[in-house]
Structures are given as C-alpha cells and as structure tokens.
Amino acid sequence: MTLEVERTGEHAFVGRNERGAEVRLGRKGAEAAFSPAELLQIAAQDGSAREPAISELIARTRETHAQLAAIIANGRDRLLELGSQRGGGHRQLASDGAGTSLTESPEGPLLTALRDDDSHAAHDEYLLRLLESFGIHNEPLGGEIFLLDPELIAVDGFEELKSGPRQVCFDRRLALARDDLLYLRGDHPLLRTAQDLLLSGENGNAAFLVDDSLPARSAVLEAVHVLECVAPASLNVERFLPPTPVCIAVDTKLQLRPAFTPGERALLRAGDRVYDLTPMRKVLATLIPPMLERLRKDTGSACETRISDASSAAKLLLDAEISRLRALAEINPAVRPEEITALENERDQLLAVLPSARPRLDALRLVVSPDFLSLRR
C-alpha cells in the first residue's frame, strides 16, 4: 500500500493512502490531529489491546469530521445567503427620528425590494399616463393585460415599440407565465426612457391651477427642488444621496403649508381649463418673489437635514466595513492593507463631497382660489 505524507505547517502533516483515506498528524493535543506517538502506540499493541484503541481513534475521527462538516456547512450557507440576498440577517440602514443606524433585516434587500415593488399596484395608472403623454395610447384587453399602440408617438427612443403595438402587464406572476408580454415595472427600459424624457423636458416645469376648495383671495405656491450631489462616479454617491425631490408649499401669508394637496375636483378639471395670465403680470410680480424667497429658505433647511442624514449613513456603513476588514486582516493574510486604505479614502472623500450637495429648482405650481382671477392690480 502506498502512503504519501505532506507537510502543511509547523509540526503539522497530512498522510494519504491510495484509497483516498486521510489522517492529520501533529503535536499531542493539537486540534483535529493525532500525534505520531499515539499512532505508534496503537500499532505496537497486540490484537486484544489494539481494538479498543482503534475504536477510540475512530470515535475521535468521527467527532472531528462532524465538527469540520458543521463549520463547512455553516460557511457555505453564509456565502449563499450573502450571494443570493435572500437569506435572513442582512444588515441594512434604518432611519428614525434619532438618526441612522445599522439594523438586521429578516429578509434580504433584494427580496424586500421586489415585494415592495409588487405591492405598489396602484402606480400602474401613473405608468400608463406617463406613456400617454408621449402619444403611446393604451387599450385594456382584460385580465390585467394592456395593448400599447405607438401610432401617435411624438418622440423617438422607444425601441420596444418600433415594431408596432405590444401587449404589456404589471403583474409579475402573469409575466412569468406569458413570455410574450412586456412586464412593465419602474426599472423597465421603456419606462426609464419615458421618465428621463419627462424629467429632462420643460413640460410641467411651471403650472397654474384654480382650486375651488381654497378660501377666497388665497393662493399657494408649490416648489419642487431636486437635491443633487456632483461627485466622481467612482464614489457612487447615489448610495447615500440620490437625486432627491424636496417639495414645499407656502401661502400668500408666507406660512408653510405642509402636506398641501389641491382638491381632487380641481385636479380632474385641470386639463380642461386654459388661462391667460398676461393681465395679471403686476399682481404676480408683487406676489411671487417673497413667496419664492421663503421657499428657498425652507428648502435649504430641509436639504441640510437630508445631507446630514446621508453623511451619517455613509460614515456608519463604511466605518463598519473598515472595522470588519481590520478584524479580518488579523486572521487572514489575504486581506491587504491597500484594501483598507482604499476604503478609508473612499469614506473621507464621501464625507467631504456630500456637504457640497445643492438644491436645484425644478418646478413651480401656483394654486389659487377662483376669485384670484378677478385681481388686476
């Protein structure tokens, strides 16, 4: 019988025979190993005394094998959990009134996001209205299936519709059962193209609305600012501070109107009403500037809070990752000091660039009472 011995470390060896059996040799008391003295002692005993010693050797081998198998199984499960993002115990950022912290999520972030997306079925109407604004009409075919017709399309760029009408749905299960349907969700290229065209265009940048539910001689100015942070792409600053809309409304008394929403009736009739505000230039020139100034001031305060939260989130997450790598480097020589240094540099650059984020005025809407139109001075 052939026996091969390989040295695996100081005072550590592995012996293998041609059948694939393996035994680890080391100093007496070494974990998961037998000392040469123990094996020689067993070999020197006669048959009657050798049998209990061999039984003990087999029992120790089984115990060591069970321990190693448990370690391997737990490590493998952990890797699968991290890779699939479907297991429990994932750390994620949570924000509350006291600040931002790392918490353990019972589900992976990917699974949580998918379930969140499926639960927002009420957004389907928005998606259809979005496509309608570019001349892509929809026709319900029943069973949660719609037909998108690009016959009157007003712009280029919708590759999915260049071959003609397409059937779409918003239900994940239906899309999995019917591969001929387009499954429209927020990140679908068709909808991303439509949203990019909408956000980059001038349509909707300024709006005027008459709301019958407002008190007499009143007006509310709504402003939508977008908080943006310009930074090198390598920092991926959107992880902590993506372009964020900040919506604030103020009335003619320069009082904030939190959670202001125009009446439903006014919103439904908005598309049917056309107004000429030319005769009201003097009124608007007197009314709008102080309201805009108040909006800019309060928008700045709201943005400072969001920037502070983003900086705290970045510091918390990257500090935890740096600590993890430092602890891992003490037991794993494969973790290089350059990796820790790169992560520290990334943290420092993020904390330096996040405070430079600035709000950009994106849209205004003036909502007035019906008698407002009678003002001329």
Protein backbone atom coordinates (compact mmCIF):
# COMPACT_ATOMS: atom_id res chain seq x y z
CA MET A 1 0.00 0.00 0.00
CA THR A 2 1.35 3.44 -0.98
CA LEU A 3 1.39 6.18 1.68
CA GLU A 4 2.09 9.87 0.96
CA VAL A 5 2.86 12.43 3.63
CA GLU A 6 2.55 16.19 3.03
CA ARG A 7 3.70 18.92 5.36
CA THR A 8 1.00 21.57 5.81
CA GLY A 9 2.58 23.70 8.53
CA GLU A 10 4.91 23.74 11.51
CA HIS A 11 4.60 20.35 13.22
CA ALA A 12 1.58 19.59 11.00
CA PHE A 13 1.36 16.83 8.38
CA VAL A 14 -1.32 15.07 6.33
CA GLY A 15 -0.94 11.38 5.41
CA ARG A 16 -2.91 9.86 2.48
CA ASN A 17 -3.09 6.33 1.06
CA GLU A 18 -4.03 5.21 -2.43
CA ARG A 19 -7.65 4.65 -1.39
CA GLY A 20 -8.07 8.32 -0.51
CA ALA A 21 -8.04 7.89 3.26
CA GLU A 22 -6.51 10.85 5.10
CA VAL A 23 -5.10 11.37 8.59
CA ARG A 24 -3.72 14.58 10.11
CA LEU A 25 -0.61 14.37 12.23
CA GLY A 26 0.59 16.95 14.73
CA ARG A 27 1.73 17.51 18.27
CA LYS A 28 -0.19 15.87 21.05
CA GLY A 29 -3.26 17.91 21.91
CA ALA A 30 -3.41 19.63 18.50
CA GLU A 31 -6.96 20.19 17.29
CA ALA A 32 -8.25 17.72 14.67
CA ALA A 33 -4.92 15.85 14.55
CA PHE A 34 -3.26 12.75 16.01
CA SER A 35 0.29 12.69 17.30
CA PRO A 36 2.79 10.14 15.84
CA ALA A 37 3.27 8.76 19.35
CA GLU A 38 -0.41 7.89 19.61
CA LEU A 39 -0.41 6.07 16.28
CA LEU A 40 2.83 4.21 17.07
CA GLN A 41 1.47 3.22 20.45
CA ILE A 42 -1.63 1.74 18.83
CA ALA A 43 0.44 -0.10 16.22
CA ALA A 44 2.71 -1.62 18.91
CA GLN A 45 -0.17 -3.10 20.91
CA ASP A 46 -1.32 -6.67 20.47
CA GLY A 47 -4.65 -7.55 18.87
CA SER A 48 -6.79 -7.62 22.04
CA ALA A 49 -5.50 -4.28 23.35
CA ARG A 50 -5.41 -2.63 19.92
CA GLU A 51 -9.15 -3.00 19.22
CA PRO A 52 -10.38 -0.58 21.98
CA ALA A 53 -7.67 1.92 20.98
CA ILE A 54 -8.73 1.75 17.34
CA SER A 55 -12.38 2.18 18.37
CA GLU A 56 -11.41 5.29 20.32
CA LEU A 57 -9.43 6.55 17.33
CA ILE A 58 -12.45 6.04 15.04
CA ALA A 59 -14.73 7.82 17.54
CA ARG A 60 -12.38 10.82 17.70
CA THR A 61 -12.18 10.84 13.92
CA ARG A 62 -15.98 10.88 13.61
CA GLU A 63 -16.25 13.68 16.15
CA THR A 64 -13.62 15.75 14.33
CA HIS A 65 -15.32 15.05 10.99
CA ALA A 66 -18.69 16.20 12.39
CA GLN A 67 -17.13 19.43 13.66
CA LEU A 68 -15.46 20.17 10.32
CA ALA A 69 -18.65 19.32 8.42
CA ALA A 70 -20.63 21.74 10.59
CA ILE A 71 -18.09 24.51 10.01
CA ILE A 72 -18.14 23.93 6.25
CA ALA A 73 -21.95 23.78 6.13
CA ASN A 74 -22.34 26.99 8.11
CA GLY A 75 -19.77 28.79 6.00
CA ARG A 76 -21.38 27.63 2.78
CA ASP A 77 -24.84 28.68 3.94
CA ARG A 78 -23.50 32.11 4.85
CA LEU A 79 -21.91 32.57 1.42
CA LEU A 80 -25.11 31.53 -0.32
CA GLU A 81 -27.06 33.91 1.87
CA LEU A 82 -24.81 36.84 1.01
CA GLY A 83 -24.68 35.95 -2.67
CA SER A 84 -28.38 35.40 -3.22
CA GLN A 85 -29.54 38.25 -0.95
CA ARG A 86 -32.47 36.08 0.03
CA GLY A 87 -31.49 34.83 3.46
CA GLY A 88 -32.11 36.42 6.82
CA GLY A 89 -29.86 38.51 8.99
CA HIS A 90 -28.84 41.09 6.39
CA ARG A 91 -27.59 44.39 7.69
CA GLN A 92 -29.28 47.46 6.27
CA LEU A 93 -29.51 51.14 7.04
CA ALA A 94 -32.56 52.23 9.04
CA SER A 95 -33.50 55.83 9.72
CA ASP A 96 -35.67 57.04 12.57
CA GLY A 97 -36.17 60.24 14.48
CA ALA A 98 -32.93 59.77 16.38
CA GLY A 99 -30.77 59.27 13.30
CA THR A 100 -29.47 56.47 11.10
CA SER A 101 -28.33 53.05 12.30
CA LEU A 102 -27.47 49.56 11.04
CA THR A 103 -30.18 47.00 11.70
CA GLU A 104 -30.70 43.33 10.94
CA SER A 105 -33.34 42.77 8.28
CA PRO A 106 -35.35 39.49 8.40
CA GLU A 107 -35.18 39.40 4.59
CA GLY A 108 -32.56 40.22 2.03
CA PRO A 109 -32.72 43.71 0.50
CA LEU A 110 -33.39 42.33 -2.98
CA LEU A 111 -36.36 40.24 -1.85
CA THR A 112 -37.71 43.13 0.20
CA ALA A 113 -37.43 45.49 -2.78
CA LEU A 114 -39.20 43.05 -5.11
CA ARG A 115 -42.08 42.56 -2.69
CA ASP A 116 -42.28 46.31 -2.21
CA ASP A 117 -42.48 46.80 -5.96
CA ASP A 118 -45.24 44.20 -6.36
CA SER A 119 -47.31 45.82 -3.61
CA HIS A 120 -47.45 49.17 -5.44
CA ALA A 121 -50.03 48.08 -8.00
CA ALA A 122 -51.75 51.43 -7.63
CA HIS A 123 -48.88 53.06 -9.55
CA ASP A 124 -49.92 51.32 -12.76
CA GLU A 125 -52.17 54.24 -13.70
CA TYR A 126 -49.24 56.64 -13.46
CA LEU A 127 -47.15 54.49 -15.78
CA LEU A 128 -49.90 54.40 -18.39
CA ARG A 129 -50.48 58.16 -18.13
CA LEU A 130 -46.73 58.68 -18.48
CA LEU A 131 -46.67 56.79 -21.78
CA GLU A 132 -49.89 58.53 -22.88
CA SER A 133 -48.15 61.90 -22.57
CA PHE A 134 -45.80 60.84 -25.40
CA GLY A 135 -48.57 59.64 -27.68
CA ILE A 136 -48.46 55.97 -26.69
CA HIS A 137 -52.11 55.04 -26.20
CA ASN A 138 -53.22 52.05 -24.17
CA GLU A 139 -56.19 49.75 -24.56
CA PRO A 140 -57.21 47.31 -21.78
CA LEU A 141 -57.59 43.77 -23.12
CA GLY A 142 -58.81 42.21 -19.88
CA GLY A 143 -57.03 40.01 -17.40
CA GLU A 144 -54.63 42.84 -16.40
CA ILE A 145 -53.23 42.97 -19.95
CA PHE A 146 -52.95 46.23 -21.93
CA LEU A 147 -52.14 46.95 -25.56
CA LEU A 148 -49.70 49.82 -26.13
CA ASP A 149 -50.18 51.47 -29.52
CA PRO A 150 -47.36 53.77 -30.71
CA GLU A 151 -49.25 55.06 -33.77
CA LEU A 152 -49.32 58.66 -32.49
CA ILE A 153 -45.95 58.58 -30.74
CA ALA A 154 -44.41 62.06 -30.58
CA VAL A 155 -40.72 61.29 -29.96
CA ASP A 156 -38.08 58.72 -30.84
CA GLY A 157 -36.32 56.46 -28.42
CA PHE A 158 -38.83 53.74 -27.52
CA GLU A 159 -37.06 50.74 -29.04
CA GLU A 160 -39.58 48.22 -27.68
CA LEU A 161 -42.40 49.76 -29.74
CA LYS A 162 -40.63 50.29 -33.08
CA SER A 163 -42.01 47.02 -34.42
CA GLY A 164 -45.61 48.01 -33.64
CA PRO A 165 -48.15 47.60 -30.81
CA ARG A 166 -47.11 45.44 -27.85
CA GLN A 167 -49.07 43.74 -25.10
CA VAL A 168 -47.93 44.56 -21.57
CA CYS A 169 -48.84 43.72 -17.99
CA PHE A 170 -47.96 44.87 -14.48
CA ASP A 171 -48.31 41.54 -12.69
CA ARG A 172 -45.13 39.52 -12.05
CA ARG A 173 -46.85 36.12 -11.99
CA LEU A 174 -48.64 36.81 -15.26
CA ALA A 175 -45.40 37.94 -16.89
CA LEU A 176 -43.64 34.75 -15.77
CA ALA A 177 -46.41 32.65 -17.30
CA ARG A 178 -46.56 34.66 -20.57
CA ASP A 179 -43.15 35.36 -22.06
CA ASP A 180 -44.76 37.29 -24.94
CA LEU A 181 -45.83 40.09 -22.55
CA LEU A 182 -43.70 43.06 -21.56
CA TYR A 183 -43.56 43.24 -17.77
CA LEU A 184 -43.62 46.95 -17.01
CA ARG A 185 -42.09 47.99 -13.72
CA GLY A 186 -40.27 51.12 -12.67
CA ASP A 187 -36.86 49.96 -13.91
CA HIS A 188 -38.02 48.71 -17.32
CA PRO A 189 -36.06 50.42 -20.16
CA LEU A 190 -39.31 51.59 -21.78
CA LEU A 191 -40.43 53.41 -18.63
CA ARG A 192 -36.96 54.66 -17.77
CA THR A 193 -36.77 56.25 -21.23
CA ALA A 194 -40.17 57.88 -20.73
CA GLN A 195 -39.26 59.21 -17.29
CA ASP A 196 -35.91 60.55 -18.49
CA LEU A 197 -37.66 62.38 -21.33
CA LEU A 198 -40.22 63.79 -18.92
CA LEU A 199 -37.66 64.98 -16.36
CA SER A 200 -35.33 66.48 -18.95
CA GLY A 201 -38.10 68.35 -20.80
CA GLU A 202 -39.85 71.60 -19.98
CA ASN A 203 -43.31 70.09 -19.75
CA GLY A 204 -44.65 70.63 -16.24
CA ASN A 205 -41.90 72.99 -15.08
CA ALA A 206 -44.49 75.72 -14.42
CA ALA A 207 -48.19 75.15 -13.80
CA PHE A 208 -51.25 77.17 -12.79
CA LEU A 209 -54.29 75.67 -11.12
CA VAL A 210 -57.60 77.07 -9.91
CA ASP A 211 -58.85 75.21 -6.85
CA ASP A 212 -62.47 75.74 -5.85
CA SER A 213 -61.79 74.34 -2.38
CA LEU A 214 -59.40 77.16 -1.37
CA PRO A 215 -60.69 80.08 0.73
CA ALA A 216 -61.42 83.37 -1.07
CA ARG A 217 -58.50 85.57 -2.10
CA SER A 218 -55.89 82.93 -1.35
CA ALA A 219 -53.02 81.36 -3.24
CA VAL A 220 -50.48 78.65 -2.55
CA LEU A 221 -47.15 78.40 -4.35
CA GLU A 222 -45.61 74.91 -4.53
CA ALA A 223 -41.95 74.40 -5.40
CA VAL A 224 -40.12 71.20 -6.22
CA HIS A 225 -36.37 71.38 -5.73
CA VAL A 226 -34.07 68.49 -6.59
CA LEU A 227 -31.21 67.94 -4.17
CA GLU A 228 -28.21 66.78 -6.20
CA CYS A 229 -24.62 65.96 -5.30
CA VAL A 230 -22.00 66.25 -8.04
CA ALA A 231 -19.20 63.77 -7.37
CA PRO A 232 -16.86 61.39 -9.23
CA ALA A 233 -18.66 58.30 -10.49
CA SER A 234 -16.22 56.06 -8.61
CA LEU A 235 -17.65 57.21 -5.27
CA ASN A 236 -21.18 56.05 -6.18
CA VAL A 237 -22.60 58.82 -4.02
CA GLU A 238 -26.16 57.85 -5.06
CA ARG A 239 -25.97 55.04 -2.49
CA PHE A 240 -26.43 57.62 0.23
CA LEU A 241 -27.83 60.69 -1.50
CA PRO A 242 -29.59 60.04 -4.81
CA PRO A 243 -31.22 63.00 -6.62
CA THR A 244 -33.97 63.75 -4.11
CA PRO A 245 -37.08 65.89 -4.74
CA VAL A 246 -37.91 68.31 -1.94
CA CYS A 247 -41.49 69.60 -2.13
CA ILE A 248 -42.54 72.66 -0.09
CA ALA A 249 -45.64 74.86 -0.31
CA VAL A 250 -46.23 78.35 1.08
CA ASP A 251 -49.30 80.63 1.05
CA THR A 252 -49.63 84.38 0.49
CA LYS A 253 -49.08 84.99 4.23
CA LEU A 254 -45.70 83.29 3.84
CA GLN A 255 -46.85 80.44 6.05
CA LEU A 256 -45.76 76.90 5.24
CA ARG A 257 -48.48 74.52 4.09
CA PRO A 258 -47.15 71.04 4.93
CA ALA A 259 -48.74 68.13 3.07
CA PHE A 260 -50.72 70.55 0.88
CA THR A 261 -52.76 68.84 -1.82
CA PRO A 262 -55.16 70.56 -4.24
CA GLY A 263 -58.75 69.39 -4.34
CA GLU A 264 -59.49 66.27 -6.35
CA ARG A 265 -62.09 68.08 -8.44
CA ALA A 266 -59.59 70.78 -9.41
CA LEU A 267 -57.05 68.17 -10.45
CA LEU A 268 -59.57 66.32 -12.60
CA ARG A 269 -60.62 69.52 -14.40
CA ALA A 270 -57.10 70.95 -14.75
CA GLY A 271 -56.61 69.71 -18.30
CA ASP A 272 -59.86 71.31 -19.49
CA ARG A 273 -59.06 74.82 -18.25
CA VAL A 274 -56.87 77.26 -20.16
CA TYR A 275 -55.98 80.62 -18.59
CA ASP A 276 -54.33 83.78 -19.88
CA LEU A 277 -52.31 85.32 -17.05
CA THR A 278 -50.99 88.25 -19.09
CA PRO A 279 -53.33 90.79 -17.41
CA MET A 280 -52.06 89.66 -14.00
CA ARG A 281 -48.38 90.33 -14.50
CA LYS A 282 -48.27 93.16 -11.97
CA VAL A 283 -50.08 91.09 -9.35
CA LEU A 284 -47.80 88.11 -9.87
CA ALA A 285 -44.66 90.31 -9.86
CA THR A 286 -45.66 91.59 -6.41
CA LEU A 287 -46.90 88.29 -5.01
CA ILE A 288 -44.45 85.65 -6.22
CA PRO A 289 -40.93 86.97 -5.25
CA PRO A 290 -41.43 86.95 -1.43
CA MET A 291 -43.08 83.52 -1.64
CA LEU A 292 -40.14 82.21 -3.67
CA GLU A 293 -37.67 83.60 -1.16
CA ARG A 294 -39.45 81.83 1.70
CA LEU A 295 -39.46 78.61 -0.32
CA ARG A 296 -35.72 78.84 -0.96
CA LYS A 297 -35.02 79.38 2.73
CA ASP A 298 -37.09 76.42 3.93
CA THR A 299 -35.83 74.21 1.12
CA GLY A 300 -32.27 74.91 2.25
CA SER A 301 -33.13 73.84 5.81
CA ALA A 302 -34.79 70.64 4.59
CA CYS A 303 -31.80 69.84 2.39
CA GLU A 304 -29.35 70.32 5.26
CA THR A 305 -31.24 67.66 7.22
CA ARG A 306 -31.10 65.21 4.31
CA ILE A 307 -27.39 65.89 3.73
CA SER A 308 -26.66 65.31 7.41
CA ASP A 309 -28.56 62.00 7.35
CA ALA A 310 -26.69 60.92 4.21
CA SER A 311 -23.32 61.76 5.76
CA SER A 312 -24.21 59.83 8.92
CA ALA A 313 -25.32 56.84 6.86
CA ALA A 314 -22.11 56.86 4.81
CA LYS A 315 -19.90 57.13 7.88
CA LEU A 316 -21.79 54.42 9.75
CA LEU A 317 -21.74 51.93 6.89
CA LEU A 318 -18.13 52.49 5.82
CA ASP A 319 -16.81 52.58 9.39
CA ALA A 320 -18.43 49.20 9.98
CA GLU A 321 -16.89 47.82 6.79
CA ILE A 322 -13.44 49.18 7.70
CA SER A 323 -13.68 47.62 11.15
CA ARG A 324 -14.69 44.31 9.61
CA LEU A 325 -11.71 44.33 7.23
CA ARG A 326 -9.30 45.23 10.02
CA ALA A 327 -10.56 42.36 12.15
CA LEU A 328 -10.40 40.00 9.18
CA ALA A 329 -6.85 41.11 8.33
CA GLU A 330 -5.64 39.86 11.72
CA ILE A 331 -6.57 36.27 10.85
CA ASN A 332 -6.49 36.31 7.07
CA PRO A 333 -3.29 37.43 5.32
CA ALA A 334 -5.20 37.67 2.02
CA VAL A 335 -6.72 40.97 3.21
CA ARG A 336 -4.22 43.54 2.02
CA PRO A 337 -3.57 46.88 3.78
CA GLU A 338 -4.24 48.61 0.44
CA GLU A 339 -7.87 47.47 0.58
CA ILE A 340 -8.39 49.05 3.99
CA THR A 341 -6.63 52.25 2.90
CA ALA A 342 -8.79 52.47 -0.25
CA LEU A 343 -11.95 52.13 1.83
CA GLU A 344 -10.76 54.80 4.27
CA ASN A 345 -10.04 57.15 1.35
CA GLU A 346 -13.48 56.47 -0.09
CA ARG A 347 -15.10 57.30 3.25
CA ASP A 348 -13.12 60.53 3.61
CA GLN A 349 -13.95 61.65 0.06
CA LEU A 350 -17.65 60.90 0.54
CA LEU A 351 -17.79 62.84 3.80
CA ALA A 352 -16.07 65.75 2.03
CA VAL A 353 -18.29 65.79 -1.07
CA LEU A 354 -21.75 65.15 0.47
CA PRO A 355 -21.99 68.59 2.18
CA SER A 356 -21.49 70.19 -1.25
CA ALA A 357 -24.92 68.97 -2.47
CA ARG A 358 -27.19 71.79 -3.57
CA PRO A 359 -30.92 72.06 -4.36
CA ARG A 360 -31.97 72.93 -7.91
CA LEU A 361 -35.38 74.47 -8.62
CA ASP A 362 -37.17 72.05 -10.92
CA ALA A 363 -40.85 73.02 -10.97
CA LEU A 364 -43.37 75.56 -9.69
CA ARG A 365 -47.15 75.39 -9.36
CA LEU A 366 -49.37 78.26 -8.35
CA VAL A 367 -52.73 77.17 -6.92
CA VAL A 368 -55.29 79.92 -6.44
CA SER A 369 -58.92 80.41 -5.45
CA PRO A 370 -61.44 81.22 -8.24
CA ASP A 371 -61.75 84.92 -7.27
CA PHE A 372 -57.98 85.35 -7.71
CA LEU A 373 -58.53 85.73 -11.45
CA SER A 374 -60.51 88.93 -10.91
CA LEU A 375 -57.48 90.73 -9.45
CA ARG A 376 -55.89 93.27 -11.79
CA ARG A 377 -53.54 95.21 -9.52
